Amino acid sequence: MRILIDADGCPVVEQSIKVAEKFNLEAIIFCDTAHCFDGKNTRVVMVSKGADAVDFAILNNIQKWDIVITQDYGLASLVLSKNSYAINQSGMIYTEENIDELLYSRYISKKMRNSGVRMKGPKKRDKSQNLIFEQNLEKLILEKIQR
């Protein structure tokens, strides 16, 4: 089991690395050339800029049982199909039970935006969300290790 981090726009990179170290798991940061990460206690995989370039790099490197940190529902869906796990930056664990609804809501939101409907963005992130993320990531790891 490893932790793969979709680091483009990810607010919980440090927390993910901290949890990986706690469980002695390898953490791999995937990012494009527009971002810079310190590879301290981690491996950094840098890919060229491009739509979904980081997602494709993750999919090409993922192994069974890996955990992927991502806010991209499409990537999460593909991760689940590879017998791996996905969790978002707020601690929501993607599952076979919730992924279809999430993908459908993304589709509806895009249709609405394309038709000119203005939608509110996400609320400003606070520190309590980082704590919830860490707790849920740890819970996911413990649950999968015990299997």
C-alpha atoms as a PDB file:
ATOM      1  CA  MET A   1       0.000   0.000   0.000  1.00  0.00           C
ATOM      2  CA  ARG A   2       1.246   3.452  -0.966  1.00  0.00           C
ATOM      3  CA  ILE A   3      -0.240   6.942  -0.877  1.00  0.00           C
ATOM      4  CA  LEU A   4      -0.354   8.698  -4.243  1.00  0.00           C
ATOM      5  CA  ILE A   5      -1.122  12.411  -4.079  1.00  0.00           C
ATOM      6  CA  ASP A   6      -2.739  14.298  -6.951  1.00  0.00           C
ATOM      7  CA  ALA A   7      -0.941  17.438  -5.826  1.00  0.00           C
ATOM      8  CA  ASP A   8      -2.192  19.948  -8.394  1.00  0.00           C
ATOM      9  CA  GLY A   9      -4.346  22.190  -6.225  1.00  0.00           C
ATOM     10  CA  CYS A  10      -4.300  19.775  -3.291  1.00  0.00           C
ATOM     11  CA  PRO A  11      -4.437  21.532   0.099  1.00  0.00           C
ATOM     12  CA  VAL A  12      -3.517  18.422   2.138  1.00  0.00           C
ATOM     13  CA  VAL A  13      -0.135  17.383   0.756  1.00  0.00           C
ATOM     14  CA  GLU A  14       1.637  17.897   4.091  1.00  0.00           C
ATOM     15  CA  GLN A  15      -1.061  16.040   6.014  1.00  0.00           C
ATOM     16  CA  SER A  16      -0.925  13.138   3.542  1.00  0.00           C
ATOM     17  CA  ILE A  17       2.841  12.834   3.944  1.00  0.00           C
ATOM     18  CA  LYS A  18       2.516  12.995   7.738  1.00  0.00           C
ATOM     19  CA  VAL A  19       0.007  10.118   7.761  1.00  0.00           C
ATOM     20  CA  ALA A  20       2.141   8.101   5.314  1.00  0.00           C
ATOM     21  CA  GLU A  21       5.131   8.469   7.638  1.00  0.00           C
ATOM     22  CA  LYS A  22       3.031   7.460  10.658  1.00  0.00           C
ATOM     23  CA  PHE A  23       2.126   4.172   8.960  1.00  0.00           C
ATOM     24  CA  ASN A  24       5.522   3.742   7.270  1.00  0.00           C
ATOM     25  CA  LEU A  25       3.959   3.956   3.803  1.00  0.00           C
ATOM     26  CA  GLU A  26       5.568   5.374   0.698  1.00  0.00           C
ATOM     27  CA  ALA A  27       4.105   8.731  -0.336  1.00  0.00           C
ATOM     28  CA  ILE A  28       4.383   9.787  -3.965  1.00  0.00           C
ATOM     29  CA  ILE A  29       3.519  13.320  -5.049  1.00  0.00           C
ATOM     30  CA  PHE A  30       2.310  13.740  -8.633  1.00  0.00           C
ATOM     31  CA  CYS A  31       2.329  17.277 -10.019  1.00  0.00           C
ATOM     32  CA  ASP A  32       2.942  19.219 -13.187  1.00  0.00           C
ATOM     33  CA  THR A  33       5.741  21.687 -13.855  1.00  0.00           C
ATOM     34  CA  ALA A  34       3.613  24.599 -12.596  1.00  0.00           C
ATOM     35  CA  HIS A  35       4.033  23.325  -9.021  1.00  0.00           C
ATOM     36  CA  CYS A  36       7.081  22.764  -6.858  1.00  0.00           C
ATOM     37  CA  PHE A  37       7.199  20.334  -3.959  1.00  0.00           C
ATOM     38  CA  ASP A  38       9.966  19.391  -1.591  1.00  0.00           C
ATOM     39  CA  GLY A  39      10.594  15.680  -1.898  1.00  0.00           C
ATOM     40  CA  LYS A  40      11.540  15.295   1.777  1.00  0.00           C
ATOM     41  CA  ASN A  41      10.618  11.719   2.757  1.00  0.00           C
ATOM     42  CA  THR A  42       8.638  11.391  -0.475  1.00  0.00           C
ATOM     43  CA  ARG A  43       9.120  10.766  -4.141  1.00  0.00           C
ATOM     44  CA  VAL A  44       7.979  13.501  -6.518  1.00  0.00           C
ATOM     45  CA  VAL A  45       6.810  12.586 -10.014  1.00  0.00           C
ATOM     46  CA  MET A  46       6.699  15.709 -12.160  1.00  0.00           C
ATOM     47  CA  VAL A  47       4.908  15.635 -15.499  1.00  0.00           C
ATOM     48  CA  SER A  48       4.580  18.252 -18.203  1.00  0.00           C
ATOM     49  CA  LYS A  49       1.604  20.593 -18.133  1.00  0.00           C
ATOM     50  CA  GLY A  50      -1.469  19.377 -19.892  1.00  0.00           C
ATOM     51  CA  ALA A  51      -5.061  18.452 -19.329  1.00  0.00           C
ATOM     52  CA  ASP A  52      -5.176  15.347 -17.141  1.00  0.00           C
ATOM     53  CA  ALA A  53      -1.410  14.746 -17.440  1.00  0.00           C
ATOM     54  CA  VAL A  54      -1.099  14.171 -13.685  1.00  0.00           C
ATOM     55  CA  ASP A  55      -4.143  11.888 -13.691  1.00  0.00           C
ATOM     56  CA  PHE A  56      -2.653   9.723 -16.440  1.00  0.00           C
ATOM     57  CA  ALA A  57       0.673   9.536 -14.572  1.00  0.00           C
ATOM     58  CA  ILE A  58      -1.135   8.348 -11.445  1.00  0.00           C
ATOM     59  CA  LEU A  59      -3.094   5.741 -13.404  1.00  0.00           C
ATOM     60  CA  ASN A  60       0.104   4.490 -15.049  1.00  0.00           C
ATOM     61  CA  ASN A  61       1.773   4.078 -11.637  1.00  0.00           C
ATOM     62  CA  ILE A  62      -1.055   2.852  -9.444  1.00  0.00           C
ATOM     63  CA  GLN A  63      -0.921  -0.596  -7.900  1.00  0.00           C
ATOM     64  CA  LYS A  64      -3.586  -2.675  -6.213  1.00  0.00           C
ATOM     65  CA  TRP A  65      -4.354  -1.416  -2.655  1.00  0.00           C
ATOM     66  CA  ASP A  66      -2.818   2.054  -3.209  1.00  0.00           C
ATOM     67  CA  ILE A  67      -4.644   5.077  -1.821  1.00  0.00           C
ATOM     68  CA  VAL A  68      -5.007   8.122  -4.066  1.00  0.00           C
ATOM     69  CA  ILE A  69      -5.667  11.586  -2.662  1.00  0.00           C
ATOM     70  CA  THR A  70      -7.670  13.506  -5.283  1.00  0.00           C
ATOM     71  CA  GLN A  71     -10.576  15.877  -5.672  1.00  0.00           C
ATOM     72  CA  ASP A  72     -11.179  14.672  -9.243  1.00  0.00           C
ATOM     73  CA  TYR A  73     -14.234  12.400  -9.411  1.00  0.00           C
ATOM     74  CA  GLY A  74     -13.202  11.012 -12.793  1.00  0.00           C
ATOM     75  CA  LEU A  75      -9.790   9.970 -11.510  1.00  0.00           C
ATOM     76  CA  ALA A  76     -11.360   8.538  -8.358  1.00  0.00           C
ATOM     77  CA  SER A  77     -13.681   6.410 -10.495  1.00  0.00           C
ATOM     78  CA  LEU A  78     -10.753   4.985 -12.450  1.00  0.00           C
ATOM     79  CA  VAL A  79      -8.793   4.365  -9.241  1.00  0.00           C
ATOM     80  CA  LEU A  80     -11.681   2.339  -7.823  1.00  0.00           C
ATOM     81  CA  SER A  81     -11.787   0.248 -10.999  1.00  0.00           C
ATOM     82  CA  LYS A  82      -8.143  -0.720 -10.366  1.00  0.00           C
ATOM     83  CA  ASN A  83      -8.884  -2.235  -6.938  1.00  0.00           C
ATOM     84  CA  SER A  84      -7.403   0.758  -5.179  1.00  0.00           C
ATOM     85  CA  TYR A  85      -8.845   3.435  -2.910  1.00  0.00           C
ATOM     86  CA  ALA A  86      -9.477   7.161  -3.219  1.00  0.00           C
ATOM     87  CA  ILE A  87     -10.193   9.930  -0.741  1.00  0.00           C
ATOM     88  CA  ASN A  88     -10.678  13.648  -1.292  1.00  0.00           C
ATOM     89  CA  GLN A  89      -9.124  16.614   0.500  1.00  0.00           C
ATOM     90  CA  SER A  90     -12.102  16.875   2.855  1.00  0.00           C
ATOM     91  CA  GLY A  91     -11.852  13.255   3.964  1.00  0.00           C
ATOM     92  CA  MET A  92     -14.676  11.850   1.849  1.00  0.00           C
ATOM     93  CA  ILE A  93     -13.823   8.310   0.834  1.00  0.00           C
ATOM     94  CA  TYR A  94     -14.897   7.486  -2.698  1.00  0.00           C
ATOM     95  CA  THR A  95     -16.716   4.168  -2.951  1.00  0.00           C
ATOM     96  CA  GLU A  96     -18.566   2.104  -5.519  1.00  0.00           C
ATOM     97  CA  GLU A  97     -21.730   3.254  -3.744  1.00  0.00           C
ATOM     98  CA  ASN A  98     -21.146   7.026  -4.097  1.00  0.00           C
ATOM     99  CA  ILE A  99     -19.034   7.512  -7.219  1.00  0.00           C
ATOM    100  CA  ASP A 100     -21.874   7.341  -9.774  1.00  0.00           C
ATOM    101  CA  GLU A 101     -23.858  10.025  -7.956  1.00  0.00           C
ATOM    102  CA  LEU A 102     -20.768  12.235  -7.690  1.00  0.00           C
ATOM    103  CA  LEU A 103     -20.006  11.861 -11.399  1.00  0.00           C
ATOM    104  CA  TYR A 104     -23.624  12.636 -12.270  1.00  0.00           C
ATOM    105  CA  SER A 105     -23.636  15.774 -10.088  1.00  0.00           C
ATOM    106  CA  ARG A 106     -20.426  16.906 -11.809  1.00  0.00           C
ATOM    107  CA  TYR A 107     -22.111  16.378 -15.190  1.00  0.00           C
ATOM    108  CA  ILE A 108     -25.220  18.364 -14.172  1.00  0.00           C
ATOM    109  CA  SER A 109     -23.082  21.193 -12.747  1.00  0.00           C
ATOM    110  CA  LYS A 110     -21.103  21.421 -15.981  1.00  0.00           C
ATOM    111  CA  LYS A 111     -24.310  21.516 -18.048  1.00  0.00           C
ATOM    112  CA  MET A 112     -25.640  24.322 -15.857  1.00  0.00           C
ATOM    113  CA  ARG A 113     -22.411  26.339 -16.103  1.00  0.00           C
ATOM    114  CA  ASN A 114     -22.366  25.879 -19.888  1.00  0.00           C
ATOM    115  CA  SER A 115     -25.913  27.216 -20.078  1.00  0.00           C
ATOM    116  CA  GLY A 116     -24.872  30.377 -18.228  1.00  0.00           C
ATOM    117  CA  VAL A 117     -25.963  29.577 -14.688  1.00  0.00           C
ATOM    118  CA  ARG A 118     -23.596  31.080 -12.129  1.00  0.00           C
ATOM    119  CA  MET A 119     -22.690  28.696  -9.353  1.00  0.00           C
ATOM    120  CA  LYS A 120     -21.032  29.374  -6.035  1.00  0.00           C
ATOM    121  CA  GLY A 121     -17.562  27.979  -5.526  1.00  0.00           C
ATOM    122  CA  PRO A 122     -16.513  25.959  -2.504  1.00  0.00           C
ATOM    123  CA  LYS A 123     -16.428  27.569   0.928  1.00  0.00           C
ATOM    124  CA  LYS A 124     -13.089  28.780   2.236  1.00  0.00           C
ATOM    125  CA  ARG A 125     -11.139  25.898   3.739  1.00  0.00           C
ATOM    126  CA  ASP A 126     -10.461  25.913   7.468  1.00  0.00           C
ATOM    127  CA  LYS A 127      -8.022  23.961   9.616  1.00  0.00           C
ATOM    128  CA  SER A 128     -10.694  21.643  11.014  1.00  0.00           C
ATOM    129  CA  GLN A 129     -11.089  20.146   7.520  1.00  0.00           C
ATOM    130  CA  ASN A 130      -7.418  19.150   7.555  1.00  0.00           C
ATOM    131  CA  LEU A 131      -7.963  17.313  10.835  1.00  0.00           C
ATOM    132  CA  ILE A 132     -11.029  15.503   9.459  1.00  0.00           C
ATOM    133  CA  PHE A 133      -9.016  14.553   6.364  1.00  0.00           C
ATOM    134  CA  GLU A 134      -6.180  13.112   8.481  1.00  0.00           C
ATOM    135  CA  GLN A 135      -8.582  11.155  10.687  1.00  0.00           C
ATOM    136  CA  ASN A 136     -10.419   9.659   7.711  1.00  0.00           C
ATOM    137  CA  LEU A 137      -7.195   8.815   5.880  1.00  0.00           C
ATOM    138  CA  GLU A 138      -5.908   7.028   8.981  1.00  0.00           C
ATOM    139  CA  LYS A 139      -9.230   5.206   9.367  1.00  0.00           C
ATOM    140  CA  LEU A 140      -9.084   4.112   5.704  1.00  0.00           C
ATOM    141  CA  ILE A 141      -5.518   2.819   6.090  1.00  0.00           C
ATOM    142  CA  LEU A 142      -6.325   0.914   9.289  1.00  0.00           C
ATOM    143  CA  GLU A 143      -9.451  -0.585   7.741  1.00  0.00           C
ATOM    144  CA  LYS A 144      -7.549  -1.805   4.677  1.00  0.00           C
ATOM    145  CA  ILE A 145      -4.511  -3.063   6.620  1.00  0.00           C
ATOM    146  CA  GLN A 146      -6.754  -5.204   8.827  1.00  0.00           C
ATOM    147  CA  ARG A 147      -8.305  -6.961   5.816  1.00  0.00           C
END
